[in-house]
Amino acid sequence: MRIGLFTDSYYPHVSGVSTSVEMLKDALEEMGHTVYLVAPNKKFLYDKKNRIIWIPGFRPGFYELRVAEVYSKKAMKIIKNEWKLDIIHTQTELTIDFFARMVSKKLNIPVVRTYHTLYEDYTYYVTHGHLDNIAKKIVIKLTKKFCEKRCDELIVPTEKIKKLFIEKYDIKKDMAVIPSGIDLNRFSLNNTKKKIAIDLRKKYHISENDFVIGSVGRVASEKSFDKIIKNMQKLVNINNKIKFMLVGDGPQLEELKVLTEKLKLEKNIIFTGFVNYNEVCNYYHVFDVMVSYSKTETQGLTIIEGLASSKPIVCIDDPSFRSMVQHNYNGFLFKKDDEFRKYILDLMADKELYKIMCMNAQNSVYSYSKEVFASRILKIYYRALEKKKNNTK
């Protein structure tokens, strides 16, 4: 099959969406399909060898994205004359999506959409708090339009999003729930990663007796990293060997550093800043436990990456995490701050519990492999093609 992936978020911009797109592309190609990609860049470029068209775009000034031009005559010509796509799969709802729909209509091929980002949680990047309720209502209305009328098949990553779409957004369209997959081999521990992890612990002055809780992600307010830091104050008072490592960069980084100084936790909290995506997998092996307070995830790929790295998870009891984190098996789901602290201390004190949860973590991620992910997506492609075929008879 000849598949076109259209996305506003792709490397070098690192996000859950760009990671998901890359995993899907790799897995589909390994299965023998031909995958093409359209994404925004500074100027028009056609990477014929890697089958990528970069459409000129601009930065809108929020979330570090680059928004592409709505239409590219050059791209349309290449797609029509050279690519001869069977199906289009859009990954974002910005301008690339408009272009994908134009291609779909011109070539009479179906469009599959994956909804990755719950935009109502990000409106403040545009409104800065002014008329935010109105902005959220507009986002909900536009999402309903995009997801009901502008695609042939709709995919969401979790039951949380499916339920929200049905109950709050009033979306009537059938939805397939397909979590994004990852390259499990990238995160499994080997001798090379073990040595790198040892070197990283030395670099950040982490001793053998230190117990590291860690998080990976864009450092922004919606991720609630400040709540972890505030809880660290009480944890450190109980045991000063507990450290928190935050891997990533973002608009809230400096604010969190100020909070750390205010709470006098400089010796127990580590900010790595930006880390290249190819190196992030090494940091999971510095952690003893993976933690998250975020309630804005549509799925939470970093949690899957943590499990694939054999790390127990301690995260807030949010519907996005319930399918991945099985309470008392591969981690803990907490509702209150005191529960969060208790679970951290339990894992630190009980070596046998910790060892069992590490094994369970690794054993619970096979259904999240990129191969399973791509196989499930392919079924949706074939269903969309069959519907298109029947509708043209």
Protein backbone atom coordinates (compact mmCIF):
# COMPACT_ATOMS: atom_id res chain seq x y z
CA MET A 1 0.00 0.00 0.00
CA ARG A 2 1.11 3.55 -0.73
CA ILE A 3 0.42 5.62 2.40
CA GLY A 4 0.66 9.38 2.89
CA LEU A 5 1.22 10.67 6.43
CA PHE A 6 0.39 14.37 6.83
CA THR A 7 1.49 16.08 10.04
CA ASP A 8 2.20 19.56 11.42
CA SER A 9 4.47 18.03 14.06
CA TYR A 10 7.57 16.20 12.91
CA TYR A 11 11.29 16.20 13.57
CA PRO A 12 13.27 18.24 14.44
CA HIS A 13 10.29 19.31 16.59
CA VAL A 14 10.04 16.61 19.25
CA SER A 15 6.62 15.73 20.66
CA GLY A 16 4.40 12.75 21.28
CA VAL A 17 2.91 13.29 17.82
CA SER A 18 6.24 13.34 15.99
CA THR A 19 7.34 10.22 17.88
CA SER A 20 4.09 8.42 17.04
CA VAL A 21 4.39 9.35 13.35
CA GLU A 22 7.99 8.13 13.19
CA MET A 23 7.11 4.81 14.85
CA LEU A 24 4.20 4.27 12.46
CA LYS A 25 6.31 5.14 9.43
CA ASP A 26 9.11 2.77 10.45
CA ALA A 27 6.79 -0.13 11.25
CA LEU A 28 4.75 0.21 8.05
CA GLU A 29 7.92 0.30 5.95
CA GLU A 30 9.26 -2.78 7.74
CA MET A 31 6.02 -4.52 6.74
CA GLY A 32 6.72 -3.72 3.07
CA HIS A 33 4.42 -0.71 2.58
CA THR A 34 5.60 2.50 0.92
CA VAL A 35 5.20 5.49 3.23
CA TYR A 36 5.31 9.15 2.17
CA LEU A 37 5.30 12.12 4.51
CA VAL A 38 4.26 15.79 4.32
CA ALA A 39 5.37 18.18 7.08
CA PRO A 40 6.21 21.90 7.53
CA ASN A 41 9.68 23.42 7.38
CA LYS A 42 11.34 26.79 6.74
CA LYS A 43 11.18 26.37 2.96
CA PHE A 44 9.95 23.94 0.34
CA LEU A 45 12.10 20.84 0.07
CA TYR A 46 11.54 17.48 -1.59
CA ASP A 47 13.57 14.67 -0.09
CA LYS A 48 12.90 12.14 -2.83
CA LYS A 49 15.09 9.42 -1.29
CA ASN A 50 13.20 9.46 2.04
CA ARG A 51 9.87 10.33 0.39
CA ILE A 52 9.30 13.52 2.39
CA ILE A 53 7.87 16.83 1.19
CA TRP A 54 8.61 19.81 3.44
CA ILE A 55 6.10 22.63 2.91
CA PRO A 56 7.07 26.23 3.79
CA GLY A 57 5.72 27.32 7.15
CA PHE A 58 5.95 29.89 9.93
CA ARG A 59 6.08 29.77 13.71
CA PRO A 60 2.78 30.97 15.24
CA GLY A 61 4.51 31.89 18.50
CA PHE A 62 3.15 29.11 20.68
CA TYR A 63 4.04 25.51 21.49
CA GLU A 64 7.16 25.68 19.31
CA LEU A 65 5.27 24.42 16.27
CA ARG A 66 5.72 25.46 12.66
CA VAL A 67 2.48 25.97 10.75
CA ALA A 68 2.59 25.15 7.05
CA GLU A 69 1.07 27.06 4.18
CA VAL A 70 -2.49 25.93 3.46
CA TYR A 71 -1.71 24.96 -0.14
CA SER A 72 1.41 24.02 -2.07
CA LYS A 73 1.17 23.73 -5.84
CA LYS A 74 4.60 22.05 -6.00
CA ALA A 75 3.62 19.46 -3.41
CA MET A 76 0.30 18.73 -5.09
CA LYS A 77 2.05 18.09 -8.41
CA ILE A 78 4.53 15.64 -6.85
CA ILE A 79 1.84 13.81 -4.89
CA LYS A 80 -0.41 13.50 -7.94
CA ASN A 81 2.22 12.52 -10.52
CA GLU A 82 4.79 10.58 -8.47
CA TRP A 83 3.36 9.29 -5.22
CA LYS A 84 0.03 7.87 -6.43
CA LEU A 85 -1.25 7.39 -2.87
CA ASP A 86 -3.84 4.80 -1.87
CA ILE A 87 -4.72 6.49 1.40
CA ILE A 88 -4.00 9.60 3.50
CA HIS A 89 -3.51 9.56 7.27
CA THR A 90 -3.57 12.98 8.98
CA GLN A 91 -1.99 13.40 12.41
CA THR A 92 -2.80 17.03 13.27
CA GLU A 93 -5.64 19.51 12.77
CA LEU A 94 -3.69 22.55 11.62
CA THR A 95 -2.98 23.72 8.05
CA ILE A 96 -1.44 20.44 6.86
CA ASP A 97 -4.84 18.88 7.46
CA PHE A 98 -6.51 21.34 5.08
CA PHE A 99 -3.97 20.45 2.43
CA ALA A 100 -4.54 16.73 3.07
CA ARG A 101 -8.25 17.18 2.44
CA MET A 102 -7.52 19.01 -0.84
CA VAL A 103 -5.32 16.12 -1.95
CA SER A 104 -8.02 13.65 -0.91
CA LYS A 105 -10.70 15.37 -2.97
CA LYS A 106 -8.50 15.86 -6.01
CA LEU A 107 -7.31 12.24 -6.07
CA ASN A 108 -10.52 10.70 -4.67
CA ILE A 109 -8.80 8.74 -1.89
CA PRO A 110 -9.93 8.26 1.74
CA VAL A 111 -8.61 10.15 4.76
CA VAL A 112 -7.94 8.55 8.13
CA ARG A 113 -7.45 10.88 11.10
CA THR A 114 -5.68 10.25 14.41
CA TYR A 115 -6.60 12.75 17.10
CA HIS A 116 -3.50 13.16 19.29
CA THR A 117 -3.88 16.48 21.12
CA LEU A 118 -6.67 17.64 23.40
CA TYR A 119 -6.53 21.27 22.27
CA GLU A 120 -8.92 22.64 24.90
CA ASP A 121 -6.13 22.04 27.45
CA TYR A 122 -3.77 24.30 25.47
CA THR A 123 -5.93 27.34 24.61
CA TYR A 124 -4.15 29.51 27.19
CA TYR A 125 -1.03 29.52 24.99
CA VAL A 126 -3.09 31.67 22.61
CA THR A 127 -5.48 33.48 24.95
CA HIS A 128 -3.12 33.95 27.92
CA GLY A 129 -6.20 33.62 30.13
CA HIS A 130 -8.35 36.18 28.29
CA LEU A 131 -11.70 34.83 27.04
CA ASP A 132 -10.36 31.33 27.57
CA ASN A 133 -13.82 29.78 28.06
CA ILE A 134 -14.92 31.12 24.68
CA ALA A 135 -11.73 29.77 23.10
CA LYS A 136 -12.42 26.31 24.55
CA LYS A 137 -15.94 26.32 23.11
CA ILE A 138 -14.56 27.25 19.68
CA VAL A 139 -11.98 24.45 19.92
CA ILE A 140 -14.69 21.91 20.80
CA LYS A 141 -16.85 23.05 17.88
CA LEU A 142 -13.95 22.87 15.42
CA THR A 143 -12.83 19.48 16.74
CA LYS A 144 -16.33 18.09 16.19
CA LYS A 145 -16.31 19.41 12.62
CA PHE A 146 -12.86 17.99 11.84
CA CYS A 147 -13.48 14.61 13.42
CA GLU A 148 -17.03 14.01 12.21
CA LYS A 149 -17.08 15.43 8.70
CA ARG A 150 -13.52 15.76 7.46
CA CYS A 151 -12.30 12.17 7.66
CA ASP A 152 -13.46 8.73 6.60
CA GLU A 153 -12.14 6.96 9.69
CA LEU A 154 -11.30 8.37 13.13
CA ILE A 155 -8.67 7.00 15.53
CA VAL A 156 -8.18 8.10 19.14
CA PRO A 157 -5.35 6.88 21.42
CA THR A 158 -7.34 6.08 24.58
CA GLU A 159 -10.81 5.29 25.92
CA LYS A 160 -10.54 8.61 27.80
CA ILE A 161 -10.66 10.57 24.53
CA LYS A 162 -13.40 8.37 23.08
CA LYS A 163 -15.58 8.94 26.13
CA LEU A 164 -14.89 12.70 26.07
CA PHE A 165 -15.76 12.91 22.37
CA ILE A 166 -19.05 11.09 22.91
CA GLU A 167 -20.18 12.74 26.16
CA LYS A 168 -18.81 16.30 25.87
CA TYR A 169 -18.10 16.89 22.17
CA ASP A 170 -21.23 15.01 21.00
CA ILE A 171 -19.29 13.27 18.23
CA LYS A 172 -21.42 10.55 16.66
CA LYS A 173 -18.78 9.06 14.36
CA ASP A 174 -17.41 5.59 15.11
CA MET A 175 -13.95 5.69 16.68
CA ALA A 176 -11.17 3.13 16.81
CA VAL A 177 -9.11 3.24 20.02
CA ILE A 178 -5.49 2.55 19.05
CA PRO A 179 -2.66 3.55 21.44
CA SER A 180 0.55 4.73 19.78
CA GLY A 181 3.39 2.25 19.74
CA ILE A 182 7.09 2.57 20.47
CA ASP A 183 10.29 0.80 19.49
CA LEU A 184 10.67 -1.45 22.53
CA ASN A 185 14.27 -2.33 21.67
CA ARG A 186 15.26 1.33 22.00
CA PHE A 187 14.42 1.29 25.72
CA SER A 188 15.45 -2.19 26.88
CA LEU A 189 18.60 -2.30 29.01
CA ASN A 190 21.86 -3.61 27.55
CA ASN A 191 25.53 -3.28 28.49
CA THR A 192 25.97 -0.08 26.49
CA LYS A 193 22.96 1.61 28.12
CA LYS A 194 24.08 0.38 31.53
CA LYS A 195 27.46 2.08 31.10
CA ILE A 196 25.85 5.29 29.83
CA ALA A 197 23.47 5.32 32.82
CA ILE A 198 26.41 4.96 35.21
CA ASP A 199 28.19 7.86 33.50
CA LEU A 200 25.03 9.99 33.66
CA ARG A 201 24.63 9.33 37.37
CA LYS A 202 28.24 10.48 37.86
CA LYS A 203 27.64 13.56 35.72
CA TYR A 204 24.67 14.63 37.85
CA HIS A 205 26.32 13.65 41.16
CA ILE A 206 23.90 10.81 41.88
CA SER A 207 25.33 8.28 44.33
CA GLU A 208 24.63 4.53 44.43
CA ASN A 209 22.43 5.05 47.49
CA ASP A 210 20.31 7.77 45.90
CA PHE A 211 16.78 6.87 44.83
CA VAL A 212 15.84 8.74 41.65
CA ILE A 213 12.27 9.48 40.64
CA GLY A 214 12.13 10.84 37.11
CA SER A 215 9.93 12.46 34.50
CA VAL A 216 10.44 13.10 30.79
CA GLY A 217 8.61 15.68 28.73
CA ARG A 218 8.00 19.22 27.65
CA VAL A 219 8.43 21.41 30.72
CA ALA A 220 5.14 23.29 30.70
CA SER A 221 2.43 24.08 33.24
CA GLU A 222 -0.06 21.51 31.92
CA LYS A 223 2.36 18.72 32.91
CA SER A 224 2.14 19.71 36.62
CA PHE A 225 5.84 19.16 37.37
CA ASP A 226 5.51 21.80 40.10
CA LYS A 227 3.39 19.37 42.13
CA ILE A 228 6.19 16.81 42.08
CA ILE A 229 8.67 19.45 43.28
CA LYS A 230 6.36 20.55 46.10
CA ASN A 231 5.98 16.92 47.22
CA MET A 232 9.75 16.50 47.09
CA GLN A 233 10.06 18.84 50.08
CA LYS A 234 8.25 16.37 52.36
CA LEU A 235 9.94 13.33 50.77
CA VAL A 236 13.41 14.79 51.31
CA ASN A 237 12.57 15.58 54.93
CA ILE A 238 11.86 11.86 55.40
CA ASN A 239 14.82 10.63 53.33
CA ASN A 240 17.35 13.01 51.78
CA LYS A 241 18.55 10.27 49.40
CA ILE A 242 15.49 10.82 47.21
CA LYS A 243 16.17 12.88 44.08
CA PHE A 244 13.94 14.07 41.26
CA MET A 245 15.31 14.28 37.70
CA LEU A 246 13.32 16.22 35.10
CA VAL A 247 14.43 15.49 31.54
CA GLY A 248 13.37 18.10 29.01
CA ASP A 249 13.02 21.77 28.21
CA GLY A 250 10.09 24.14 27.92
CA PRO A 251 8.50 27.45 28.90
CA GLN A 252 8.17 26.61 32.61
CA LEU A 253 11.76 25.48 33.19
CA GLU A 254 13.03 28.72 34.75
CA GLU A 255 9.94 29.03 36.93
CA LEU A 256 10.53 25.51 38.29
CA LYS A 257 14.17 26.33 39.00
CA VAL A 258 13.06 29.35 41.04
CA LEU A 259 10.59 27.16 42.95
CA THR A 260 13.37 24.66 43.64
CA GLU A 261 15.59 27.40 45.09
CA LYS A 262 12.72 28.77 47.15
CA LEU A 263 12.16 25.31 48.70
CA LYS A 264 15.93 24.82 49.14
CA LEU A 265 15.90 21.61 47.09
CA GLU A 266 18.82 22.35 44.75
CA LYS A 267 20.72 19.26 45.92
CA ASN A 268 17.77 16.96 45.33
CA ILE A 269 16.28 18.18 42.07
CA ILE A 270 18.06 17.83 38.73
CA PHE A 271 17.07 19.70 35.58
CA THR A 272 18.78 18.27 32.50
CA GLY A 273 17.39 20.81 30.04
CA PHE A 274 17.03 19.77 26.41
CA VAL A 275 18.12 16.22 25.59
CA ASN A 276 18.29 14.89 22.03
CA TYR A 277 15.50 12.36 21.44
CA ASN A 278 17.99 9.64 20.47
CA GLU A 279 19.60 10.00 23.90
CA VAL A 280 16.46 10.23 26.03
CA CYS A 281 16.19 6.43 26.25
CA ASN A 282 19.41 6.41 28.32
CA TYR A 283 17.94 8.66 31.01
CA TYR A 284 15.16 6.22 31.87
CA HIS A 285 17.88 3.89 33.15
CA VAL A 286 19.08 6.59 35.54
CA PHE A 287 15.63 6.58 37.16
CA ASP A 288 14.53 4.13 39.80
CA VAL A 289 10.88 5.10 39.34
CA MET A 290 8.96 7.00 36.64
CA VAL A 291 6.42 9.56 37.90
CA SER A 292 3.71 11.83 36.46
CA TYR A 293 1.15 14.29 37.80
CA SER A 294 -0.15 15.28 34.36
CA LYS A 295 -3.91 15.11 33.70
CA THR A 296 -3.74 16.53 30.16
CA GLU A 297 -2.31 13.51 28.35
CA THR A 298 -4.25 11.91 25.52
CA GLN A 299 -2.07 8.87 26.06
CA GLY A 300 1.30 9.56 27.68
CA LEU A 301 3.97 7.91 25.54
CA THR A 302 6.67 8.57 28.14
CA ILE A 303 4.84 6.26 30.55
CA ILE A 304 5.05 3.44 28.00
CA GLU A 305 8.72 4.26 27.48
CA GLY A 306 9.25 4.06 31.24
CA LEU A 307 7.59 0.64 31.39
CA ALA A 308 9.67 -0.54 28.43
CA SER A 309 12.73 0.52 30.43
CA SER A 310 11.55 -1.78 33.27
CA LYS A 311 10.69 1.08 35.60
CA PRO A 312 7.71 1.00 37.97
CA ILE A 313 5.30 3.89 37.39
CA VAL A 314 3.77 6.15 40.02
CA CYS A 315 1.27 8.45 38.34
CA ILE A 316 -1.94 10.28 38.99
CA ASP A 317 -5.13 8.26 38.55
CA ASP A 318 -6.15 9.63 35.15
CA PRO A 319 -8.07 7.64 32.50
CA SER A 320 -5.18 8.09 30.04
CA PHE A 321 -2.91 5.99 32.26
CA ARG A 322 -5.28 3.25 33.45
CA SER A 323 -4.81 0.98 30.46
CA MET A 324 -1.02 1.10 30.86
CA VAL A 325 -0.51 1.25 34.62
CA GLN A 326 -2.06 -1.62 36.52
CA HIS A 327 -2.27 -0.63 40.17
CA ASN A 328 -0.15 -2.87 42.43
CA TYR A 329 1.24 -4.73 39.39
CA ASN A 330 3.56 -2.51 37.35
CA GLY A 331 3.11 0.64 39.39
CA PHE A 332 0.69 2.71 41.43
CA LEU A 333 -2.13 5.12 40.61
CA PHE A 334 -2.63 7.83 43.21
CA LYS A 335 -5.36 10.40 43.87
CA LYS A 336 -3.80 12.43 46.68
CA ASP A 337 -0.36 13.84 47.48
CA ASP A 338 0.08 11.65 50.52
CA GLU A 339 -0.58 8.56 48.39
CA PHE A 340 2.06 9.69 45.91
CA ARG A 341 4.63 10.04 48.68
CA LYS A 342 3.66 6.73 50.30
CA TYR A 343 4.10 4.78 47.05
CA ILE A 344 7.53 6.34 46.43
CA LEU A 345 8.68 5.45 49.94
CA ASP A 346 7.25 1.91 49.66
CA LEU A 347 9.18 1.24 46.46
CA MET A 348 12.34 2.64 48.00
CA ALA A 349 12.05 0.60 51.22
CA ASP A 350 10.77 -2.74 49.89
CA LYS A 351 13.46 -4.23 47.62
CA GLU A 352 11.38 -7.32 46.78
CA LEU A 353 8.34 -5.24 45.83
CA TYR A 354 10.56 -3.04 43.67
CA LYS A 355 12.16 -6.01 41.90
CA ILE A 356 8.78 -7.61 41.11
CA MET A 357 7.35 -4.35 39.78
CA CYS A 358 10.39 -3.86 37.53
CA MET A 359 9.78 -7.29 35.96
CA ASN A 360 6.06 -6.63 35.65
CA ALA A 361 6.74 -3.28 33.99
CA GLN A 362 8.70 -4.87 31.17
CA ASN A 363 6.19 -7.69 30.77
CA SER A 364 3.28 -5.29 30.36
CA VAL A 365 4.39 -3.35 27.27
CA TYR A 366 4.40 -5.86 24.42
CA SER A 367 0.98 -4.74 23.20
CA TYR A 368 2.46 -1.25 22.78
CA SER A 369 5.13 -2.27 20.28
CA LYS A 370 5.30 -0.33 17.03
CA GLU A 371 4.55 -3.56 15.13
CA VAL A 372 1.24 -4.13 16.94
CA PHE A 373 0.47 -0.42 16.53
CA ALA A 374 1.00 -0.49 12.76
CA SER A 375 -0.98 -3.74 12.33
CA ARG A 376 -3.99 -2.21 14.04
CA ILE A 377 -3.72 0.98 11.97
CA LEU A 378 -3.56 -1.07 8.77
CA LYS A 379 -6.93 -2.64 9.56
CA ILE A 380 -8.41 0.87 9.65
CA TYR A 381 -6.79 1.72 6.31
CA TYR A 382 -8.30 -1.35 4.66
CA ARG A 383 -11.69 -0.55 6.18
CA ALA A 384 -11.55 3.01 4.81
CA LEU A 385 -10.58 1.72 1.36
CA GLU A 386 -13.39 -0.83 1.39
CA LYS A 387 -15.93 1.85 2.31
CA LYS A 388 -14.65 4.10 -0.46
CA LYS A 389 -14.89 1.25 -2.94
CA ASN A 390 -18.47 0.42 -1.94
CA ASN A 391 -19.51 4.09 -2.09
CA THR A 392 -18.28 4.47 -5.67
CA LYS A 393 -20.12 1.43 -7.01
